[in-house]
């Protein structure tokens, strides 16, 4: 991989038993790697304890807050990313609590970075979760790109081996989103290098 490649973190947001998220994330990771402009780091929140009891001061006020030692790798990977893609289902018309916990334990790590989404669910294809996540990440001074990848009735779209039955449409959607992440990620990476981002 070239040193000019963007560092892309792909986050599997669901930790539910029997979840389908890792299958979707593996497919998207392959798309990102074949794009040729990204160095991909796959983050599975099921591998990281995410306490719901947050410290008294939020990370917006205390960016270098003490976090559980088991969270150090997650924090390092988010902080080091130039762009981020969240893979999420819909849970009750919203996104998983595990994902919200991962978001709320961090603040500056998200700032001035582009965020993309890959959604999957039985009905909306994750779009209900994605629209709410746009509001959350906007509060964190992140930029969510317009295009997303969505898998409604995902169980009909992937074969037993985890590959897409008809990949043309999703592959094209993934490329469109990756192209947007590349543009925004490159611009914002250079801007952060020239002048550290400071929220007003």
Protein backbone atom coordinates (compact mmCIF):
# COMPACT_ATOMS: atom_id res chain seq x y z
CA UNK A 1 0.00 0.00 0.00
CA UNK A 2 1.16 3.53 -0.76
CA UNK A 3 1.92 5.93 2.07
CA UNK A 4 -0.50 8.29 0.33
CA UNK A 5 -3.38 5.87 0.86
CA UNK A 6 -6.06 7.04 3.25
CA UNK A 7 -6.40 5.10 6.47
CA UNK A 8 -9.98 3.83 6.48
CA UNK A 9 -11.54 2.39 9.64
CA UNK A 10 -14.53 0.10 9.02
CA UNK A 11 -16.58 -0.31 12.20
CA UNK A 12 -18.95 -3.25 12.74
CA UNK A 13 -21.61 -1.62 14.92
CA UNK A 14 -23.71 -4.60 16.03
CA UNK A 15 -22.67 -6.96 18.82
CA UNK A 16 -25.85 -9.05 18.83
CA UNK A 17 -25.46 -12.83 18.86
CA UNK A 18 -25.86 -14.25 15.38
CA UNK A 19 -25.41 -10.79 13.79
CA UNK A 20 -24.92 -10.44 10.07
CA UNK A 21 -22.67 -7.37 10.34
CA UNK A 22 -19.34 -9.17 9.92
CA UNK A 23 -20.50 -10.61 6.57
CA UNK A 24 -21.43 -7.16 5.28
CA UNK A 25 -18.23 -5.66 6.69
CA UNK A 26 -16.04 -8.28 5.02
CA UNK A 27 -17.69 -7.57 1.66
CA UNK A 28 -17.20 -3.82 2.08
CA UNK A 29 -13.61 -4.24 3.23
CA UNK A 30 -12.90 -6.14 0.02
CA UNK A 31 -14.45 -3.30 -1.97
CA UNK A 32 -12.32 -0.71 -0.16
CA UNK A 33 -9.13 -2.70 -0.62
CA UNK A 34 -9.79 -3.26 -4.32
CA UNK A 35 -10.44 0.48 -4.74
CA UNK A 36 -6.69 0.89 -4.31
CA UNK A 37 -6.64 4.20 -2.41
CA UNK A 38 -7.26 2.95 1.13
CA UNK A 39 -5.46 1.06 3.83
CA UNK A 40 -8.31 -0.64 5.68
CA UNK A 41 -8.57 -1.37 9.39
CA UNK A 42 -11.58 -3.52 10.35
CA UNK A 43 -12.92 -2.77 13.85
CA UNK A 44 -15.45 -5.15 15.41
CA UNK A 45 -17.10 -3.63 18.48
CA UNK A 46 -17.82 -7.14 19.73
CA UNK A 47 -14.09 -7.39 20.46
CA UNK A 48 -14.06 -4.33 22.73
CA UNK A 49 -15.78 -3.88 26.11
CA UNK A 50 -17.92 -0.73 25.89
CA UNK A 51 -19.10 0.36 29.35
CA UNK A 52 -22.33 2.35 29.41
CA UNK A 53 -21.37 4.16 32.62
CA UNK A 54 -19.48 7.17 31.30
CA UNK A 55 -17.13 9.32 33.43
CA UNK A 56 -18.41 12.59 34.96
CA UNK A 57 -16.81 14.84 32.33
CA UNK A 58 -17.61 14.10 28.67
CA UNK A 59 -14.75 13.72 26.19
CA UNK A 60 -15.71 17.08 24.66
CA UNK A 61 -14.48 18.70 27.89
CA UNK A 62 -11.76 16.18 28.69
CA UNK A 63 -10.38 14.77 25.40
CA UNK A 64 -7.59 12.85 27.13
CA UNK A 65 -10.00 11.23 29.55
CA UNK A 66 -9.19 7.96 31.25
CA UNK A 67 -10.72 5.06 29.38
CA UNK A 68 -10.75 1.35 30.20
CA UNK A 69 -7.46 -0.22 29.17
CA UNK A 70 -9.33 -2.63 26.88
CA UNK A 71 -10.55 0.36 24.85
CA UNK A 72 -7.05 1.63 23.99
CA UNK A 73 -6.87 -0.19 20.66
CA UNK A 74 -10.29 1.09 19.58
CA UNK A 75 -9.37 4.66 20.51
CA UNK A 76 -6.05 4.42 18.68
CA UNK A 77 -7.65 3.10 15.50
CA UNK A 78 -10.38 5.76 15.41
CA UNK A 79 -7.86 8.52 16.14
CA UNK A 80 -5.53 7.27 13.42
CA UNK A 81 -8.19 6.98 10.73
CA UNK A 82 -8.48 9.50 7.90
CA UNK A 83 -11.99 8.26 7.05
CA UNK A 84 -14.50 5.99 8.74
CA UNK A 85 -17.27 3.70 7.54
CA UNK A 86 -19.92 2.47 9.96
CA UNK A 87 -21.66 -0.82 9.21
CA UNK A 88 -24.99 -0.81 11.01
CA UNK A 89 -28.39 -2.51 11.13
CA UNK A 90 -31.65 -0.94 12.26
CA UNK A 91 -32.59 -1.75 15.85
CA UNK A 92 -36.12 -0.54 16.58
CA UNK A 93 -35.85 2.19 13.94
CA UNK A 94 -32.47 3.33 15.30
CA UNK A 95 -28.88 2.14 15.66
CA UNK A 96 -27.32 -0.28 18.18
CA UNK A 97 -26.48 0.82 21.71
CA UNK A 98 -22.99 -0.61 21.24
CA UNK A 99 -22.36 1.87 18.46
CA UNK A 100 -23.64 4.80 20.53
CA UNK A 101 -21.36 3.79 23.40
CA UNK A 102 -18.33 3.69 21.09
CA UNK A 103 -19.23 7.12 19.76
CA UNK A 104 -19.84 8.68 23.17
CA UNK A 105 -16.54 7.47 24.62
CA UNK A 106 -14.76 9.65 22.03
CA UNK A 107 -14.93 13.17 20.68
CA UNK A 108 -11.82 14.68 19.08
CA UNK A 109 -11.12 11.33 17.41
CA UNK A 110 -14.14 11.91 15.11
CA UNK A 111 -13.56 15.57 14.33
CA UNK A 112 -12.94 16.83 10.79
CA UNK A 113 -13.16 13.34 9.30
CA UNK A 114 -15.55 11.97 6.67
CA UNK A 115 -17.98 9.25 7.72
CA UNK A 116 -19.67 6.80 5.36
CA UNK A 117 -22.35 4.23 6.09
CA UNK A 118 -23.23 0.70 5.05
CA UNK A 119 -26.67 -0.28 6.31
CA UNK A 120 -28.57 -3.54 6.37
CA UNK A 121 -31.92 -4.65 7.78
CA UNK A 122 -35.11 -6.43 6.85
CA UNK A 123 -37.00 -3.35 5.72
CA UNK A 124 -35.17 -0.05 5.35
CA UNK A 125 -31.73 -1.44 4.68
CA UNK A 126 -30.35 0.45 7.66
CA UNK A 127 -31.43 3.86 6.38
CA UNK A 128 -33.36 4.68 9.58
CA UNK A 129 -30.22 4.12 11.64
CA UNK A 130 -28.08 6.03 9.16
CA UNK A 131 -30.24 9.16 9.22
CA UNK A 132 -30.00 9.31 13.01
CA UNK A 133 -26.26 8.72 12.89
CA UNK A 134 -25.87 11.71 10.59
CA UNK A 135 -27.22 13.93 13.36
CA UNK A 136 -24.94 12.38 15.96
CA UNK A 137 -21.78 12.71 13.88
CA UNK A 138 -22.68 16.27 12.90
CA UNK A 139 -22.61 17.16 16.59
CA UNK A 140 -19.10 15.70 16.74
CA UNK A 141 -17.84 17.94 13.89
CA UNK A 142 -17.55 15.02 11.48
CA UNK A 143 -18.69 15.17 7.86
CA UNK A 144 -21.04 12.44 6.65
CA UNK A 145 -20.85 11.82 2.91
CA UNK A 146 -24.04 11.84 0.89
CA UNK A 147 -24.03 8.38 -0.72
CA UNK A 148 -24.50 5.21 1.32
CA UNK A 149 -24.66 1.48 0.67
CA UNK A 150 -27.93 -0.12 1.74
CA UNK A 151 -29.05 -3.75 1.90
CA UNK A 152 -32.81 -4.11 2.49
CA UNK A 153 -33.80 -7.77 3.00
CA UNK A 154 -30.09 -8.54 3.18
CA UNK A 155 -30.83 -12.22 3.78
CA UNK A 156 -32.08 -12.46 0.19
CA UNK A 157 -29.06 -10.67 -1.28
CA UNK A 158 -26.17 -12.72 0.11
CA UNK A 159 -25.57 -16.38 -0.59
CA UNK A 160 -24.73 -18.99 2.07
CA UNK A 161 -21.02 -18.37 1.52
CA UNK A 162 -21.38 -14.64 2.32
CA UNK A 163 -20.99 -13.40 -1.26
CA UNK A 164 -23.51 -11.22 -3.04
CA UNK A 165 -25.85 -12.99 -5.45
CA UNK A 166 -26.02 -9.94 -7.74
CA UNK A 167 -23.02 -7.71 -6.89
CA UNK A 168 -23.22 -5.12 -9.67
CA UNK A 169 -25.48 -2.60 -7.92
CA UNK A 170 -23.88 -2.78 -4.45
CA UNK A 171 -20.37 -2.72 -5.92
CA UNK A 172 -21.23 0.45 -7.82
CA UNK A 173 -22.75 2.03 -4.70
CA UNK A 174 -19.65 1.15 -2.70
CA UNK A 175 -17.37 2.74 -5.30
CA UNK A 176 -19.44 5.93 -5.35
CA UNK A 177 -19.22 6.24 -1.58
CA UNK A 178 -15.52 5.36 -1.51
CA UNK A 179 -14.82 8.02 -4.14
CA UNK A 180 -16.53 10.60 -1.93
CA UNK A 181 -14.63 9.41 1.13
CA UNK A 182 -11.39 9.64 -0.82
CA UNK A 183 -12.02 13.26 -1.81
CA UNK A 184 -13.18 14.45 1.59
CA UNK A 185 -10.65 12.33 3.44
CA UNK A 186 -7.74 13.67 1.41
CA UNK A 187 -8.81 17.29 1.78
CA UNK A 188 -9.51 17.03 5.50
CA UNK A 189 -6.31 15.07 6.18
CA UNK A 190 -4.26 17.83 4.56
CA UNK A 191 -6.22 20.49 6.42
CA UNK A 192 -5.70 18.79 9.80
CA UNK A 193 -1.98 18.50 9.00
CA UNK A 194 -1.70 22.21 8.18
CA UNK A 195 -3.86 23.41 11.04
CA UNK A 196 -5.18 21.21 13.87
CA UNK A 197 -8.95 21.30 13.97
CA UNK A 198 -10.41 23.28 16.87
CA UNK A 199 -14.16 23.28 17.47
CA UNK A 200 -15.60 26.73 18.07
